[in-house]
Amino acid sequence: MDTRSKILSLEAAGRLTGPLTLATGYFDVLRVEHARQLGQAGRPLLVAVVRHSREILDPPARAELVAALRVVDYVVTADHDELDRLIALLQPAEILRLEADDLRCTRRLIEDAQRRQTR
């Protein structure tokens, strides 16, 4: 299966119907914790890959990585304003916000890599 077919435009994501769970995050870098958290979320699951200023990978690459996870039904990329509009339109049954956790984990990963280089 080509998992890229799970990646929707914002317009197509806005047409999804029925109760769904929306998970939002940067997913830059995709980690095992993401798979665990998303695996515990409700279904169907729409994941919004949110753009940010210090990205390592571009949004399409991150969307493809997230789409490859079996537990994910749909993926969309969005900036924060677009995400707010999508939430208002879809009114998801559950929202799982992972942005703050993503930034914290990425910062730890960078600090660990820098610490290893100075040894």
N, C-alpha and C. Protein backbone atom coordinates (compact mmCIF):
# COMPACT_ATOMS: atom_id res chain seq x y z
N MET A 1 0.83 -1.19 0.00
CA MET A 1 0.00 0.00 0.00
C MET A 1 0.87 1.24 0.00
N ASP A 2 0.55 2.19 -0.85
CA ASP A 2 1.25 3.46 -0.87
C ASP A 2 0.64 4.35 0.21
N THR A 3 1.35 4.50 1.31
CA THR A 3 0.80 5.24 2.45
C THR A 3 0.64 6.72 2.16
N ARG A 4 1.26 7.21 1.08
CA ARG A 4 1.08 8.62 0.72
C ARG A 4 -0.37 8.94 0.38
N SER A 5 -1.18 7.91 0.06
CA SER A 5 -2.59 8.15 -0.22
C SER A 5 -3.34 8.59 1.04
N LYS A 6 -2.74 8.42 2.21
CA LYS A 6 -3.34 8.89 3.46
C LYS A 6 -3.18 10.40 3.62
N ILE A 7 -2.29 11.01 2.86
CA ILE A 7 -1.99 12.43 3.01
C ILE A 7 -3.03 13.24 2.23
N LEU A 8 -3.75 14.09 2.97
CA LEU A 8 -4.83 14.87 2.40
C LEU A 8 -4.46 16.35 2.33
N SER A 9 -5.10 17.06 1.43
CA SER A 9 -5.01 18.51 1.44
C SER A 9 -5.87 19.02 2.60
N LEU A 10 -5.67 20.27 2.98
CA LEU A 10 -6.52 20.84 4.04
C LEU A 10 -7.98 20.82 3.63
N GLU A 11 -8.24 21.09 2.37
CA GLU A 11 -9.62 21.09 1.87
C GLU A 11 -10.25 19.70 2.01
N ALA A 12 -9.52 18.67 1.60
CA ALA A 12 -10.04 17.29 1.71
C ALA A 12 -10.21 16.89 3.17
N ALA A 13 -9.27 17.28 4.03
CA ALA A 13 -9.39 16.95 5.46
C ALA A 13 -10.62 17.63 6.06
N GLY A 14 -10.94 18.82 5.61
CA GLY A 14 -12.09 19.54 6.10
C GLY A 14 -13.41 18.89 5.72
N ARG A 15 -13.39 17.99 4.73
CA ARG A 15 -14.61 17.29 4.31
C ARG A 15 -14.80 15.95 5.03
N LEU A 16 -13.87 15.57 5.90
CA LEU A 16 -14.04 14.32 6.64
C LEU A 16 -15.28 14.43 7.51
N THR A 17 -16.01 13.34 7.61
CA THR A 17 -17.24 13.36 8.40
C THR A 17 -17.18 12.33 9.52
N GLY A 18 -18.10 12.48 10.44
CA GLY A 18 -18.18 11.55 11.55
C GLY A 18 -17.21 11.92 12.64
N PRO A 19 -17.38 11.32 13.80
CA PRO A 19 -16.45 11.62 14.90
C PRO A 19 -15.06 11.09 14.57
N LEU A 20 -14.06 11.88 14.87
CA LEU A 20 -12.68 11.44 14.67
C LEU A 20 -11.80 12.03 15.75
N THR A 21 -10.61 11.48 15.85
CA THR A 21 -9.60 11.99 16.76
C THR A 21 -8.58 12.76 15.93
N LEU A 22 -8.19 13.92 16.41
CA LEU A 22 -7.18 14.74 15.76
C LEU A 22 -5.96 14.78 16.66
N ALA A 23 -4.82 14.36 16.14
CA ALA A 23 -3.55 14.47 16.85
C ALA A 23 -2.71 15.50 16.11
N THR A 24 -2.11 16.41 16.85
CA THR A 24 -1.29 17.45 16.25
C THR A 24 0.11 17.41 16.82
N GLY A 25 1.09 17.66 15.97
CA GLY A 25 2.47 17.69 16.44
C GLY A 25 3.41 18.06 15.32
N TYR A 26 4.67 18.18 15.67
CA TYR A 26 5.69 18.52 14.67
C TYR A 26 6.25 17.26 14.03
N PHE A 27 6.38 16.19 14.78
CA PHE A 27 6.87 14.90 14.27
C PHE A 27 8.21 15.08 13.55
N ASP A 28 9.06 15.88 14.16
CA ASP A 28 10.35 16.26 13.58
C ASP A 28 11.41 16.08 14.64
N VAL A 29 11.80 15.02 14.94
CA VAL A 29 12.00 13.72 14.33
C VAL A 29 10.91 12.76 14.84
N LEU A 30 10.48 11.82 13.98
CA LEU A 30 9.49 10.82 14.37
C LEU A 30 10.14 9.84 15.35
N ARG A 31 9.50 9.64 16.51
CA ARG A 31 10.08 8.79 17.55
C ARG A 31 9.11 7.69 17.94
N VAL A 32 9.61 6.70 18.63
CA VAL A 32 8.78 5.58 19.08
C VAL A 32 7.66 6.07 19.99
N GLU A 33 7.91 7.15 20.75
CA GLU A 33 6.87 7.70 21.62
C GLU A 33 5.67 8.15 20.80
N HIS A 34 5.93 8.68 19.60
CA HIS A 34 4.82 9.08 18.73
C HIS A 34 3.95 7.87 18.40
N ALA A 35 4.57 6.78 18.01
CA ALA A 35 3.81 5.58 17.66
C ALA A 35 2.99 5.10 18.85
N ARG A 36 3.56 5.15 20.04
CA ARG A 36 2.83 4.74 21.24
C ARG A 36 1.64 5.66 21.51
N GLN A 37 1.89 6.97 21.46
CA GLN A 37 0.83 7.93 21.75
C GLN A 37 -0.29 7.82 20.72
N LEU A 38 0.06 7.74 19.45
CA LEU A 38 -0.95 7.65 18.40
C LEU A 38 -1.69 6.32 18.46
N GLY A 39 -0.99 5.27 18.88
CA GLY A 39 -1.63 3.97 19.01
C GLY A 39 -2.70 3.94 20.08
N GLN A 40 -2.62 4.84 21.05
CA GLN A 40 -3.60 4.90 22.13
C GLN A 40 -4.74 5.87 21.84
N ALA A 41 -4.65 6.58 20.72
CA ALA A 41 -5.68 7.57 20.38
C ALA A 41 -6.89 6.88 19.77
N GLY A 42 -8.00 7.59 19.76
CA GLY A 42 -9.23 7.06 19.18
C GLY A 42 -9.16 6.97 17.66
N ARG A 43 -10.15 6.31 17.08
CA ARG A 43 -10.23 6.11 15.64
C ARG A 43 -11.53 6.66 15.11
N PRO A 44 -11.58 7.04 13.85
CA PRO A 44 -10.45 7.21 12.93
C PRO A 44 -9.54 8.34 13.39
N LEU A 45 -8.28 8.26 12.99
CA LEU A 45 -7.26 9.18 13.46
C LEU A 45 -6.73 10.04 12.32
N LEU A 46 -6.90 11.34 12.46
CA LEU A 46 -6.32 12.33 11.55
C LEU A 46 -5.15 12.98 12.28
N VAL A 47 -3.97 12.96 11.66
CA VAL A 47 -2.79 13.57 12.26
C VAL A 47 -2.43 14.83 11.47
N ALA A 48 -2.31 15.93 12.18
CA ALA A 48 -1.89 17.19 11.56
C ALA A 48 -0.40 17.40 11.87
N VAL A 49 0.41 17.42 10.82
CA VAL A 49 1.83 17.73 10.94
C VAL A 49 1.94 19.25 10.86
N VAL A 50 2.35 19.86 11.96
CA VAL A 50 2.36 21.32 12.08
C VAL A 50 3.73 21.86 11.69
N ARG A 51 3.70 22.92 10.90
CA ARG A 51 4.95 23.59 10.50
C ARG A 51 5.50 24.38 11.68
N HIS A 52 6.83 24.48 11.73
CA HIS A 52 7.46 25.34 12.73
C HIS A 52 8.77 25.88 12.20
N SER A 53 9.30 26.89 12.86
CA SER A 53 10.43 27.65 12.32
C SER A 53 11.76 26.92 12.35
N ARG A 54 11.92 25.93 13.19
CA ARG A 54 13.22 25.27 13.32
C ARG A 54 13.16 23.82 12.86
N GLU A 55 12.39 23.55 11.81
CA GLU A 55 12.22 22.18 11.34
C GLU A 55 13.52 21.59 10.83
N ILE A 56 13.67 20.30 11.09
CA ILE A 56 14.80 19.55 10.54
C ILE A 56 14.40 18.99 9.18
N LEU A 57 13.23 18.38 9.12
CA LEU A 57 12.68 17.84 7.86
C LEU A 57 11.55 18.74 7.40
N ASP A 58 11.33 18.82 6.07
CA ASP A 58 10.23 19.63 5.58
C ASP A 58 8.90 18.93 5.84
N PRO A 59 7.80 19.69 5.85
CA PRO A 59 6.49 19.10 6.18
C PRO A 59 6.09 17.90 5.31
N PRO A 60 6.31 17.92 3.99
CA PRO A 60 5.93 16.73 3.21
C PRO A 60 6.68 15.46 3.63
N ALA A 61 7.94 15.59 3.98
CA ALA A 61 8.72 14.43 4.43
C ALA A 61 8.17 13.91 5.75
N ARG A 62 7.86 14.83 6.67
CA ARG A 62 7.31 14.42 7.96
C ARG A 62 5.93 13.79 7.79
N ALA A 63 5.14 14.33 6.86
CA ALA A 63 3.81 13.76 6.59
C ALA A 63 3.94 12.32 6.08
N GLU A 64 4.91 12.06 5.21
CA GLU A 64 5.10 10.70 4.70
C GLU A 64 5.51 9.74 5.81
N LEU A 65 6.37 10.19 6.72
CA LEU A 65 6.78 9.34 7.84
C LEU A 65 5.59 9.00 8.72
N VAL A 66 4.77 10.00 9.04
CA VAL A 66 3.61 9.77 9.90
C VAL A 66 2.59 8.87 9.19
N ALA A 67 2.40 9.09 7.89
CA ALA A 67 1.45 8.27 7.13
C ALA A 67 1.86 6.80 7.10
N ALA A 68 3.13 6.53 7.26
CA ALA A 68 3.60 5.14 7.25
C ALA A 68 3.21 4.37 8.51
N LEU A 69 2.78 5.08 9.55
CA LEU A 69 2.35 4.40 10.76
C LEU A 69 0.98 3.77 10.54
N ARG A 70 0.84 2.51 10.85
CA ARG A 70 -0.39 1.75 10.62
C ARG A 70 -1.60 2.35 11.35
N VAL A 71 -1.38 2.93 12.52
CA VAL A 71 -2.48 3.44 13.33
C VAL A 71 -3.06 4.74 12.79
N VAL A 72 -2.39 5.37 11.84
CA VAL A 72 -2.82 6.66 11.31
C VAL A 72 -3.71 6.44 10.08
N ASP A 73 -4.89 7.06 10.10
CA ASP A 73 -5.81 6.94 8.97
C ASP A 73 -5.60 8.04 7.94
N TYR A 74 -5.38 9.28 8.41
CA TYR A 74 -5.21 10.42 7.51
C TYR A 74 -4.12 11.34 8.07
N VAL A 75 -3.47 12.08 7.15
CA VAL A 75 -2.44 13.05 7.54
C VAL A 75 -2.67 14.32 6.74
N VAL A 76 -2.45 15.44 7.39
CA VAL A 76 -2.52 16.74 6.73
C VAL A 76 -1.39 17.59 7.28
N THR A 77 -0.86 18.51 6.47
CA THR A 77 0.13 19.47 6.98
C THR A 77 -0.57 20.82 7.13
N ALA A 78 -0.18 21.56 8.16
CA ALA A 78 -0.85 22.84 8.43
C ALA A 78 0.05 23.75 9.24
N ASP A 79 -0.13 25.05 9.08
CA ASP A 79 0.49 25.97 10.01
C ASP A 79 -0.50 26.17 11.17
N HIS A 80 -0.12 26.94 12.17
CA HIS A 80 -0.97 27.05 13.36
C HIS A 80 -2.34 27.67 13.05
N ASP A 81 -2.39 28.68 12.19
CA ASP A 81 -3.68 29.30 11.84
C ASP A 81 -4.58 28.32 11.10
N GLU A 82 -4.01 27.59 10.15
CA GLU A 82 -4.79 26.60 9.41
C GLU A 82 -5.31 25.50 10.35
N LEU A 83 -4.48 25.13 11.30
CA LEU A 83 -4.86 24.10 12.26
C LEU A 83 -6.06 24.56 13.09
N ASP A 84 -6.03 25.81 13.54
CA ASP A 84 -7.16 26.34 14.32
C ASP A 84 -8.45 26.30 13.50
N ARG A 85 -8.38 26.66 12.23
CA ARG A 85 -9.57 26.63 11.37
C ARG A 85 -10.06 25.19 11.16
N LEU A 86 -9.12 24.26 10.99
CA LEU A 86 -9.48 22.85 10.80
C LEU A 86 -10.19 22.30 12.04
N ILE A 87 -9.68 22.63 13.21
CA ILE A 87 -10.30 22.18 14.46
C ILE A 87 -11.72 22.73 14.57
N ALA A 88 -11.90 24.01 14.27
CA ALA A 88 -13.22 24.62 14.33
C ALA A 88 -14.18 23.96 13.34
N LEU A 89 -13.69 23.61 12.17
CA LEU A 89 -14.52 22.99 11.14
C LEU A 89 -14.89 21.55 11.49
N LEU A 90 -13.91 20.76 11.90
CA LEU A 90 -14.13 19.33 12.14
C LEU A 90 -14.78 19.04 13.49
N GLN A 91 -14.50 19.88 14.48
CA GLN A 91 -14.95 19.63 15.85
C GLN A 91 -14.69 18.18 16.25
N PRO A 92 -13.41 17.79 16.28
CA PRO A 92 -13.08 16.39 16.58
C PRO A 92 -13.56 15.96 17.97
N ALA A 93 -13.85 14.67 18.08
CA ALA A 93 -14.30 14.10 19.36
C ALA A 93 -13.18 14.15 20.39
N GLU A 94 -11.95 14.07 19.93
CA GLU A 94 -10.78 14.06 20.82
C GLU A 94 -9.65 14.79 20.11
N ILE A 95 -8.89 15.57 20.86
CA ILE A 95 -7.71 16.25 20.32
C ILE A 95 -6.52 15.88 21.18
N LEU A 96 -5.47 15.42 20.55
CA LEU A 96 -4.22 15.07 21.22
C LEU A 96 -3.16 16.03 20.72
N ARG A 97 -2.74 16.98 21.57
CA ARG A 97 -1.76 18.00 21.18
C ARG A 97 -0.37 17.55 21.62
N LEU A 98 0.54 17.37 20.68
CA LEU A 98 1.87 16.85 20.98
C LEU A 98 3.00 17.85 20.71
N GLU A 99 2.67 19.08 20.34
CA GLU A 99 3.70 20.04 19.94
C GLU A 99 4.72 20.32 21.05
N ALA A 100 4.25 20.61 22.25
CA ALA A 100 5.18 20.94 23.35
C ALA A 100 6.09 19.77 23.66
N ASP A 101 5.52 18.57 23.70
CA ASP A 101 6.32 17.37 23.95
C ASP A 101 7.34 17.16 22.83
N ASP A 102 6.93 17.41 21.59
CA ASP A 102 7.86 17.28 20.46
C ASP A 102 9.05 18.22 20.60
N LEU A 103 8.80 19.47 20.95
CA LEU A 103 9.90 20.44 21.10
C LEU A 103 10.84 20.03 22.22
N ARG A 104 10.27 19.58 23.33
CA ARG A 104 11.08 19.15 24.47
C ARG A 104 11.97 17.96 24.10
N CYS A 105 11.41 16.97 23.43
CA CYS A 105 12.18 15.77 23.05
C CYS A 105 13.23 16.08 21.99
N THR A 106 12.91 16.94 21.04
CA THR A 106 13.89 17.31 20.02
C THR A 106 15.04 18.08 20.65
N ARG A 107 14.72 18.98 21.59
CA ARG A 107 15.77 19.73 22.28
C ARG A 107 16.70 18.77 23.03
N ARG A 108 16.13 17.77 23.72
CA ARG A 108 16.95 16.78 24.43
C ARG A 108 17.83 15.99 23.46
N LEU A 109 17.28 15.62 22.31
CA LEU A 109 18.04 14.89 21.30
C LEU A 109 19.24 15.71 20.82
N ILE A 110 19.03 16.98 20.54
CA ILE A 110 20.10 17.87 20.08
C ILE A 110 21.15 18.04 21.17
N GLU A 111 20.71 18.26 22.41
CA GLU A 111 21.65 18.42 23.52
C GLU A 111 22.48 17.16 23.72
N ASP A 112 21.85 16.00 23.60
CA ASP A 112 22.56 14.75 23.75
C ASP A 112 23.61 14.58 22.64
N ALA A 113 23.24 14.92 21.41
CA ALA A 113 24.19 14.80 20.29
C ALA A 113 25.36 15.77 20.49
N GLN A 114 25.09 16.99 20.96
CA GLN A 114 26.16 17.95 21.20
C GLN A 114 27.06 17.49 22.33
N ARG A 115 26.49 16.92 23.37
CA ARG A 115 27.26 16.43 24.51
C ARG A 115 28.20 15.30 24.07
N ARG A 116 27.72 14.42 23.19
CA ARG A 116 28.54 13.32 22.70
C ARG A 116 29.69 13.81 21.83
N GLN A 117 29.49 14.92 21.12
CA GLN A 117 30.55 15.45 20.27
C GLN A 117 31.68 16.08 21.08
N THR A 118 31.39 16.56 22.29
CA THR A 118 32.40 17.23 23.10
C THR A 118 33.20 16.28 23.96
N ARG A 119 32.83 14.99 23.94
CA ARG A 119 33.56 14.00 24.75
C ARG A 119 34.89 13.69 24.15
